[in-house]
Amino acid sequence: MTKGEQLQHVRLHEIEGFQHAQDNYWYRPLIFGKNIFTYVAHIPPGGEMPAHEDAHDFDTSLYMICGSLHITYGINEFEVNKNEALYIPGGVPFGVRNDGDMTASYVLTFNPPPDIESLSALKETYHQKNRDYKTPQEMKDLVGDTLD
């Protein structure tokens, strides 16, 4: 590492979960960087994040860890299952829904990243906006043992 670089070494089971919006979509931030942001998302059965008409301006990669998701990708709809990946270019409306009977978990990586500099800054933003987040134990209760 060069001067000024920081090692980010995290353990998923030690990270709080943040509610995406007023929905049943939770995420745990893993990596914050100048050109990348990565988190693990969890959607319980019946949960969803609808596709937004105002499409995002960042590229995203998705990798399914467990479960499956019904994907809305532009005008297309299909399933993504465990050990499958998907690339979502900026400008494509994208949404997910869990029609299964177990919590779906997946890794998302964004470039360019949102304007979030650290986990503590994210927690402070959520606190100021009175938005929900869960303790690591509450996230384990939500996800179960599927990621242990």
N, C-alpha and C. Protein backbone atom coordinates (compact mmCIF):
# COMPACT_ATOMS: atom_id res chain seq x y z
N MET A 1 0.84 -1.18 0.00
CA MET A 1 0.00 0.00 0.00
C MET A 1 0.89 1.25 0.00
N THR A 2 0.40 2.28 -0.64
CA THR A 2 1.14 3.53 -0.66
C THR A 2 0.63 4.43 0.46
N LYS A 3 1.39 5.46 0.74
CA LYS A 3 1.01 6.40 1.80
C LYS A 3 -0.37 6.98 1.52
N GLY A 4 -1.20 7.02 2.54
CA GLY A 4 -2.54 7.58 2.40
C GLY A 4 -3.62 6.54 2.13
N GLU A 5 -3.21 5.33 1.70
CA GLU A 5 -4.20 4.29 1.45
C GLU A 5 -4.63 3.66 2.78
N GLN A 6 -5.86 3.19 2.82
CA GLN A 6 -6.36 2.51 4.00
C GLN A 6 -6.84 1.13 3.63
N LEU A 7 -6.50 0.17 4.46
CA LEU A 7 -6.98 -1.19 4.28
C LEU A 7 -8.39 -1.25 4.82
N GLN A 8 -9.31 -1.78 4.03
CA GLN A 8 -10.67 -2.01 4.51
C GLN A 8 -10.85 -3.52 4.60
N HIS A 9 -10.89 -4.00 5.80
CA HIS A 9 -11.11 -5.41 6.06
C HIS A 9 -12.31 -5.50 6.98
N VAL A 10 -13.39 -6.06 6.49
CA VAL A 10 -14.63 -6.09 7.26
C VAL A 10 -15.16 -7.52 7.35
N ARG A 11 -15.98 -7.74 8.34
CA ARG A 11 -16.67 -9.02 8.52
C ARG A 11 -18.17 -8.74 8.43
N LEU A 12 -18.81 -9.37 7.48
CA LEU A 12 -20.22 -9.12 7.21
C LEU A 12 -21.07 -9.23 8.47
N HIS A 13 -20.82 -10.23 9.29
CA HIS A 13 -21.68 -10.46 10.46
C HIS A 13 -21.50 -9.38 11.54
N GLU A 14 -20.56 -8.44 11.36
CA GLU A 14 -20.35 -7.37 12.33
C GLU A 14 -20.92 -6.02 11.87
N ILE A 15 -21.56 -6.00 10.70
CA ILE A 15 -22.03 -4.74 10.12
C ILE A 15 -23.54 -4.59 10.28
N GLU A 16 -23.95 -3.37 10.63
CA GLU A 16 -25.37 -3.06 10.72
C GLU A 16 -26.01 -3.14 9.33
N GLY A 17 -27.34 -3.28 9.35
CA GLY A 17 -28.11 -3.29 8.11
C GLY A 17 -28.88 -2.00 7.98
N PHE A 18 -28.90 -1.44 6.79
CA PHE A 18 -29.57 -0.17 6.52
C PHE A 18 -30.75 -0.42 5.60
N GLN A 19 -31.88 0.20 5.92
CA GLN A 19 -33.06 0.06 5.08
C GLN A 19 -32.90 0.96 3.87
N HIS A 20 -33.09 0.39 2.69
CA HIS A 20 -32.89 1.12 1.43
C HIS A 20 -33.80 2.34 1.34
N ALA A 21 -35.07 2.16 1.53
CA ALA A 21 -36.07 3.23 1.50
C ALA A 21 -37.21 2.76 2.40
N GLN A 22 -38.41 3.16 2.13
CA GLN A 22 -39.54 2.67 2.90
C GLN A 22 -40.00 1.35 2.29
N ASP A 23 -39.09 0.39 2.27
CA ASP A 23 -39.36 -0.91 1.66
C ASP A 23 -38.74 -2.00 2.53
N ASN A 24 -38.84 -3.23 2.10
CA ASN A 24 -38.28 -4.34 2.85
C ASN A 24 -37.01 -4.82 2.14
N TYR A 25 -36.07 -3.92 1.99
CA TYR A 25 -34.80 -4.15 1.31
C TYR A 25 -33.73 -3.61 2.26
N TRP A 26 -32.85 -4.49 2.69
CA TRP A 26 -31.81 -4.12 3.65
C TRP A 26 -30.44 -4.34 3.04
N TYR A 27 -29.49 -3.49 3.38
CA TYR A 27 -28.14 -3.69 2.86
C TYR A 27 -27.10 -3.43 3.95
N ARG A 28 -25.97 -4.13 3.81
CA ARG A 28 -24.83 -3.97 4.72
C ARG A 28 -23.61 -3.54 3.91
N PRO A 29 -23.18 -2.28 4.08
CA PRO A 29 -22.04 -1.77 3.33
C PRO A 29 -20.76 -2.52 3.67
N LEU A 30 -20.00 -2.85 2.65
CA LEU A 30 -18.73 -3.54 2.84
C LEU A 30 -17.54 -2.66 2.52
N ILE A 31 -17.51 -2.09 1.31
CA ILE A 31 -16.35 -1.36 0.83
C ILE A 31 -16.76 0.03 0.35
N PHE A 32 -16.04 1.05 0.85
CA PHE A 32 -16.21 2.42 0.41
C PHE A 32 -14.90 2.83 -0.27
N GLY A 33 -14.98 3.30 -1.48
CA GLY A 33 -13.76 3.73 -2.16
C GLY A 33 -14.05 4.89 -3.10
N LYS A 34 -12.99 5.49 -3.60
CA LYS A 34 -13.12 6.63 -4.50
C LYS A 34 -13.89 6.25 -5.77
N ASN A 35 -13.69 5.01 -6.26
CA ASN A 35 -14.31 4.59 -7.51
C ASN A 35 -15.19 3.36 -7.37
N ILE A 36 -15.49 2.96 -6.14
CA ILE A 36 -16.26 1.73 -5.95
C ILE A 36 -17.01 1.77 -4.62
N PHE A 37 -18.17 1.15 -4.60
CA PHE A 37 -18.95 0.96 -3.38
C PHE A 37 -19.57 -0.43 -3.50
N THR A 38 -19.39 -1.25 -2.48
CA THR A 38 -19.91 -2.61 -2.50
C THR A 38 -20.70 -2.87 -1.23
N TYR A 39 -21.87 -3.50 -1.39
CA TYR A 39 -22.63 -3.93 -0.22
C TYR A 39 -23.30 -5.27 -0.47
N VAL A 40 -23.72 -5.90 0.63
CA VAL A 40 -24.51 -7.12 0.55
C VAL A 40 -25.95 -6.73 0.86
N ALA A 41 -26.86 -7.08 -0.04
CA ALA A 41 -28.28 -6.76 0.13
C ALA A 41 -29.04 -8.01 0.54
N HIS A 42 -30.12 -7.80 1.28
CA HIS A 42 -30.96 -8.88 1.75
C HIS A 42 -32.42 -8.47 1.56
N ILE A 43 -33.17 -9.34 0.90
CA ILE A 43 -34.60 -9.09 0.72
C ILE A 43 -35.36 -10.31 1.22
N PRO A 44 -36.14 -10.15 2.31
CA PRO A 44 -36.94 -11.26 2.82
C PRO A 44 -38.03 -11.66 1.82
N PRO A 45 -38.61 -12.83 2.00
CA PRO A 45 -39.72 -13.24 1.13
C PRO A 45 -40.80 -12.16 1.08
N GLY A 46 -41.24 -11.85 -0.13
CA GLY A 46 -42.26 -10.83 -0.32
C GLY A 46 -41.71 -9.41 -0.43
N GLY A 47 -40.43 -9.22 -0.12
CA GLY A 47 -39.83 -7.89 -0.18
C GLY A 47 -39.48 -7.50 -1.60
N GLU A 48 -39.37 -6.20 -1.84
CA GLU A 48 -39.01 -5.75 -3.16
C GLU A 48 -38.44 -4.34 -3.14
N MET A 49 -37.76 -4.00 -4.21
CA MET A 49 -37.36 -2.64 -4.53
C MET A 49 -37.84 -2.43 -5.96
N PRO A 50 -38.93 -1.70 -6.15
CA PRO A 50 -39.46 -1.51 -7.50
C PRO A 50 -38.47 -0.77 -8.40
N ALA A 51 -38.56 -1.04 -9.68
CA ALA A 51 -37.74 -0.31 -10.66
C ALA A 51 -38.20 1.14 -10.67
N HIS A 52 -37.25 2.05 -10.78
CA HIS A 52 -37.55 3.47 -10.82
C HIS A 52 -37.50 3.96 -12.26
N GLU A 53 -38.43 4.78 -12.62
CA GLU A 53 -38.45 5.33 -13.98
C GLU A 53 -37.25 6.23 -14.23
N ASP A 54 -36.82 6.95 -13.18
CA ASP A 54 -35.63 7.80 -13.33
C ASP A 54 -34.40 6.93 -13.07
N ALA A 55 -33.91 6.35 -14.13
CA ALA A 55 -32.83 5.36 -14.05
C ALA A 55 -31.57 5.97 -13.46
N HIS A 56 -30.81 5.14 -12.80
CA HIS A 56 -29.57 5.54 -12.15
C HIS A 56 -28.48 5.87 -13.18
N ASP A 57 -27.47 6.60 -12.74
CA ASP A 57 -26.40 6.98 -13.66
C ASP A 57 -25.07 6.30 -13.32
N PHE A 58 -25.14 5.12 -12.73
CA PHE A 58 -23.95 4.36 -12.37
C PHE A 58 -24.09 2.93 -12.85
N ASP A 59 -22.96 2.30 -13.10
CA ASP A 59 -22.94 0.88 -13.46
C ASP A 59 -23.00 0.05 -12.19
N THR A 60 -23.67 -1.09 -12.27
CA THR A 60 -23.83 -1.96 -11.11
C THR A 60 -23.58 -3.40 -11.53
N SER A 61 -22.92 -4.13 -10.64
CA SER A 61 -22.83 -5.58 -10.82
C SER A 61 -23.56 -6.23 -9.66
N LEU A 62 -24.23 -7.34 -9.94
CA LEU A 62 -24.99 -8.08 -8.94
C LEU A 62 -24.53 -9.53 -8.99
N TYR A 63 -24.26 -10.11 -7.82
CA TYR A 63 -23.91 -11.53 -7.72
C TYR A 63 -24.76 -12.15 -6.62
N MET A 64 -25.56 -13.16 -6.97
CA MET A 64 -26.45 -13.83 -6.01
C MET A 64 -25.66 -14.78 -5.11
N ILE A 65 -25.80 -14.60 -3.81
CA ILE A 65 -25.16 -15.47 -2.82
C ILE A 65 -26.09 -16.62 -2.46
N CYS A 66 -27.36 -16.29 -2.20
CA CYS A 66 -28.34 -17.33 -1.88
C CYS A 66 -29.74 -16.84 -2.21
N GLY A 67 -30.64 -17.79 -2.44
CA GLY A 67 -32.00 -17.46 -2.83
C GLY A 67 -32.09 -17.13 -4.31
N SER A 68 -33.18 -16.49 -4.67
CA SER A 68 -33.38 -16.05 -6.05
C SER A 68 -34.20 -14.76 -6.03
N LEU A 69 -34.11 -14.03 -7.13
CA LEU A 69 -34.83 -12.76 -7.26
C LEU A 69 -35.51 -12.67 -8.61
N HIS A 70 -36.67 -12.07 -8.60
CA HIS A 70 -37.35 -11.69 -9.84
C HIS A 70 -36.80 -10.30 -10.18
N ILE A 71 -36.23 -10.17 -11.36
CA ILE A 71 -35.56 -8.94 -11.79
C ILE A 71 -36.40 -8.21 -12.83
N THR A 72 -36.53 -6.91 -12.66
CA THR A 72 -37.03 -6.03 -13.70
C THR A 72 -35.81 -5.27 -14.21
N TYR A 73 -35.55 -5.41 -15.51
CA TYR A 73 -34.35 -4.86 -16.14
C TYR A 73 -34.80 -4.18 -17.42
N GLY A 74 -34.99 -2.87 -17.34
CA GLY A 74 -35.58 -2.17 -18.49
C GLY A 74 -37.00 -2.69 -18.69
N ILE A 75 -37.32 -3.19 -19.88
CA ILE A 75 -38.64 -3.76 -20.15
C ILE A 75 -38.66 -5.27 -19.96
N ASN A 76 -37.54 -5.86 -19.59
CA ASN A 76 -37.43 -7.31 -19.41
C ASN A 76 -37.65 -7.72 -17.96
N GLU A 77 -38.13 -8.95 -17.78
CA GLU A 77 -38.28 -9.53 -16.46
C GLU A 77 -37.79 -10.96 -16.51
N PHE A 78 -37.03 -11.37 -15.47
CA PHE A 78 -36.48 -12.72 -15.41
C PHE A 78 -36.01 -13.02 -14.00
N GLU A 79 -35.59 -14.26 -13.76
CA GLU A 79 -35.09 -14.70 -12.46
C GLU A 79 -33.57 -14.75 -12.46
N VAL A 80 -32.97 -14.38 -11.33
CA VAL A 80 -31.54 -14.55 -11.10
C VAL A 80 -31.42 -15.43 -9.85
N ASN A 81 -30.63 -16.50 -9.96
CA ASN A 81 -30.51 -17.49 -8.89
C ASN A 81 -29.11 -17.53 -8.31
N LYS A 82 -28.96 -18.28 -7.23
CA LYS A 82 -27.68 -18.45 -6.55
C LYS A 82 -26.57 -18.75 -7.57
N ASN A 83 -25.42 -18.09 -7.35
CA ASN A 83 -24.22 -18.25 -8.18
C ASN A 83 -24.38 -17.70 -9.60
N GLU A 84 -25.36 -16.82 -9.82
CA GLU A 84 -25.50 -16.13 -11.09
C GLU A 84 -25.19 -14.65 -10.88
N ALA A 85 -24.74 -14.01 -11.95
CA ALA A 85 -24.37 -12.60 -11.89
C ALA A 85 -25.09 -11.82 -12.97
N LEU A 86 -25.16 -10.52 -12.78
CA LEU A 86 -25.85 -9.64 -13.70
C LEU A 86 -25.14 -8.30 -13.74
N TYR A 87 -24.98 -7.74 -14.92
CA TYR A 87 -24.44 -6.39 -15.10
C TYR A 87 -25.60 -5.46 -15.44
N ILE A 88 -25.69 -4.35 -14.72
CA ILE A 88 -26.75 -3.37 -14.96
C ILE A 88 -26.07 -2.05 -15.32
N PRO A 89 -26.07 -1.67 -16.59
CA PRO A 89 -25.43 -0.41 -16.97
C PRO A 89 -26.26 0.79 -16.50
N GLY A 90 -25.58 1.90 -16.31
CA GLY A 90 -26.27 3.13 -15.97
C GLY A 90 -27.34 3.43 -17.00
N GLY A 91 -28.47 3.96 -16.55
CA GLY A 91 -29.54 4.33 -17.46
C GLY A 91 -30.61 3.27 -17.65
N VAL A 92 -30.38 2.06 -17.14
CA VAL A 92 -31.37 0.98 -17.28
C VAL A 92 -32.20 0.91 -16.00
N PRO A 93 -33.53 1.11 -16.08
CA PRO A 93 -34.36 0.95 -14.88
C PRO A 93 -34.22 -0.48 -14.35
N PHE A 94 -34.07 -0.60 -13.04
CA PHE A 94 -33.77 -1.88 -12.43
C PHE A 94 -34.53 -2.02 -11.12
N GLY A 95 -35.14 -3.20 -10.93
CA GLY A 95 -35.84 -3.48 -9.68
C GLY A 95 -35.73 -4.95 -9.34
N VAL A 96 -35.97 -5.29 -8.07
CA VAL A 96 -35.89 -6.67 -7.60
C VAL A 96 -37.09 -7.00 -6.73
N ARG A 97 -37.48 -8.28 -6.74
CA ARG A 97 -38.57 -8.77 -5.89
C ARG A 97 -38.24 -10.20 -5.48
N ASN A 98 -38.49 -10.51 -4.22
CA ASN A 98 -38.24 -11.86 -3.74
C ASN A 98 -39.56 -12.61 -3.68
N ASP A 99 -39.77 -13.52 -4.64
CA ASP A 99 -40.98 -14.34 -4.66
C ASP A 99 -40.75 -15.69 -3.98
N GLY A 100 -39.54 -15.92 -3.46
CA GLY A 100 -39.19 -17.20 -2.85
C GLY A 100 -39.62 -17.31 -1.40
N ASP A 101 -39.17 -18.38 -0.76
CA ASP A 101 -39.55 -18.63 0.63
C ASP A 101 -38.37 -18.46 1.59
N MET A 102 -37.25 -17.93 1.10
CA MET A 102 -36.11 -17.63 1.96
C MET A 102 -35.57 -16.24 1.60
N THR A 103 -34.86 -15.64 2.54
CA THR A 103 -34.26 -14.34 2.27
C THR A 103 -33.24 -14.47 1.15
N ALA A 104 -33.35 -13.61 0.17
CA ALA A 104 -32.39 -13.56 -0.94
C ALA A 104 -31.27 -12.61 -0.54
N SER A 105 -30.03 -13.04 -0.74
CA SER A 105 -28.86 -12.22 -0.42
C SER A 105 -27.96 -12.14 -1.64
N TYR A 106 -27.42 -10.96 -1.89
CA TYR A 106 -26.59 -10.76 -3.06
C TYR A 106 -25.64 -9.60 -2.85
N VAL A 107 -24.56 -9.59 -3.61
CA VAL A 107 -23.55 -8.54 -3.55
C VAL A 107 -23.81 -7.57 -4.70
N LEU A 108 -23.79 -6.29 -4.38
CA LEU A 108 -23.90 -5.23 -5.39
C LEU A 108 -22.66 -4.35 -5.32
N THR A 109 -22.13 -4.01 -6.48
CA THR A 109 -21.00 -3.09 -6.57
C THR A 109 -21.37 -1.98 -7.54
N PHE A 110 -21.04 -0.75 -7.18
CA PHE A 110 -21.42 0.44 -7.95
C PHE A 110 -20.19 1.22 -8.39
N ASN A 111 -20.25 1.75 -9.61
CA ASN A 111 -19.24 2.67 -10.11
C ASN A 111 -19.90 3.67 -11.04
N PRO A 112 -19.79 4.97 -10.82
CA PRO A 112 -19.14 5.56 -9.66
C PRO A 112 -19.97 5.33 -8.40
N PRO A 113 -19.32 5.40 -7.25
CA PRO A 113 -20.03 5.15 -6.00
C PRO A 113 -20.91 6.33 -5.60
N PRO A 114 -21.89 6.07 -4.73
CA PRO A 114 -22.66 7.19 -4.19
C PRO A 114 -21.76 8.03 -3.29
N ASP A 115 -22.22 9.17 -2.92
CA ASP A 115 -21.44 10.10 -2.10
C ASP A 115 -21.52 9.70 -0.63
N ILE A 116 -20.92 8.55 -0.31
CA ILE A 116 -20.87 8.05 1.06
C ILE A 116 -19.40 7.76 1.35
N GLU A 117 -18.84 8.44 2.33
CA GLU A 117 -17.41 8.30 2.55
C GLU A 117 -17.02 7.23 3.56
N SER A 118 -17.95 6.85 4.44
CA SER A 118 -17.61 5.86 5.45
C SER A 118 -18.87 5.30 6.09
N LEU A 119 -18.70 4.21 6.82
CA LEU A 119 -19.81 3.62 7.55
C LEU A 119 -20.32 4.58 8.62
N SER A 120 -19.43 5.25 9.31
CA SER A 120 -19.86 6.19 10.35
C SER A 120 -20.64 7.36 9.74
N ALA A 121 -20.22 7.84 8.57
CA ALA A 121 -20.96 8.92 7.90
C ALA A 121 -22.35 8.44 7.47
N LEU A 122 -22.44 7.20 6.99
CA LEU A 122 -23.73 6.64 6.60
C LEU A 122 -24.64 6.53 7.82
N LYS A 123 -24.12 6.04 8.94
CA LYS A 123 -24.91 5.92 10.16
C LYS A 123 -25.40 7.28 10.63
N GLU A 124 -24.56 8.29 10.55
CA GLU A 124 -24.95 9.63 10.97
C GLU A 124 -26.06 10.17 10.06
N THR A 125 -25.95 9.95 8.76
CA THR A 125 -27.00 10.38 7.82
C THR A 125 -28.32 9.70 8.17
N TYR A 126 -28.29 8.40 8.42
CA TYR A 126 -29.51 7.67 8.77
C TYR A 126 -30.09 8.20 10.08
N HIS A 127 -29.23 8.48 11.04
CA HIS A 127 -29.70 9.01 12.32
C HIS A 127 -30.37 10.37 12.13
N GLN A 128 -29.75 11.25 11.35
CA GLN A 128 -30.30 12.59 11.11
C GLN A 128 -31.64 12.54 10.38
N LYS A 129 -31.78 11.58 9.47
CA LYS A 129 -33.02 11.47 8.70
C LYS A 129 -34.05 10.56 9.36
N ASN A 130 -33.72 10.06 10.57
CA ASN A 130 -34.61 9.17 11.33
C ASN A 130 -35.01 7.95 10.50
N ARG A 131 -34.04 7.38 9.77
CA ARG A 131 -34.28 6.19 8.96
C ARG A 131 -33.83 4.96 9.71
N ASP A 132 -34.44 3.83 9.38
CA ASP A 132 -34.17 2.59 10.09
C ASP A 132 -32.85 1.95 9.71
N TYR A 133 -32.21 1.38 10.72
CA TYR A 133 -31.13 0.44 10.49
C TYR A 133 -31.17 -0.59 11.61
N LYS A 134 -30.62 -1.77 11.34
CA LYS A 134 -30.67 -2.89 12.26
C LYS A 134 -29.28 -3.20 12.80
N THR A 135 -29.23 -3.70 14.01
CA THR A 135 -27.97 -4.14 14.60
C THR A 135 -27.48 -5.39 13.86
N PRO A 136 -26.20 -5.73 14.02
CA PRO A 136 -25.73 -6.98 13.42
C PRO A 136 -26.55 -8.20 13.84
N GLN A 137 -26.98 -8.26 15.11
CA GLN A 137 -27.78 -9.39 15.56
C GLN A 137 -29.16 -9.39 14.89
N GLU A 138 -29.77 -8.22 14.74
CA GLU A 138 -31.05 -8.14 14.04
C GLU A 138 -30.92 -8.58 12.58
N MET A 139 -29.79 -8.26 11.96
CA MET A 139 -29.56 -8.71 10.58
C MET A 139 -29.40 -10.22 10.54
N LYS A 140 -28.71 -10.80 11.51
CA LYS A 140 -28.59 -12.26 11.56
C LYS A 140 -29.96 -12.89 11.73
N ASP A 141 -30.80 -12.29 12.56
CA ASP A 141 -32.17 -12.79 12.74
C ASP A 141 -32.95 -12.73 11.42
N LEU A 142 -32.76 -11.66 10.65
CA LEU A 142 -33.44 -11.49 9.37
C LEU A 142 -32.95 -12.51 8.34
N VAL A 143 -31.63 -12.65 8.25
CA VAL A 143 -31.03 -13.48 7.21
C VAL A 143 -30.99 -14.95 7.60
N GLY A 144 -30.86 -15.25 8.88
CA GLY A 144 -30.71 -16.63 9.32
C GLY A 144 -29.27 -17.08 9.17
N ASP A 145 -29.07 -18.37 9.08
CA ASP A 145 -27.72 -18.93 9.02
C ASP A 145 -27.24 -19.15 7.59
N THR A 146 -27.91 -18.61 6.61
CA THR A 146 -27.57 -18.89 5.22
C THR A 146 -26.20 -18.36 4.82
N LEU A 147 -25.69 -17.35 5.55
CA LEU A 147 -24.41 -16.75 5.18
C LEU A 147 -23.30 -17.07 6.16
N ASP A 148 -23.54 -17.94 7.10
CA ASP A 148 -22.49 -18.32 8.06
C ASP A 148 -21.54 -19.32 7.46
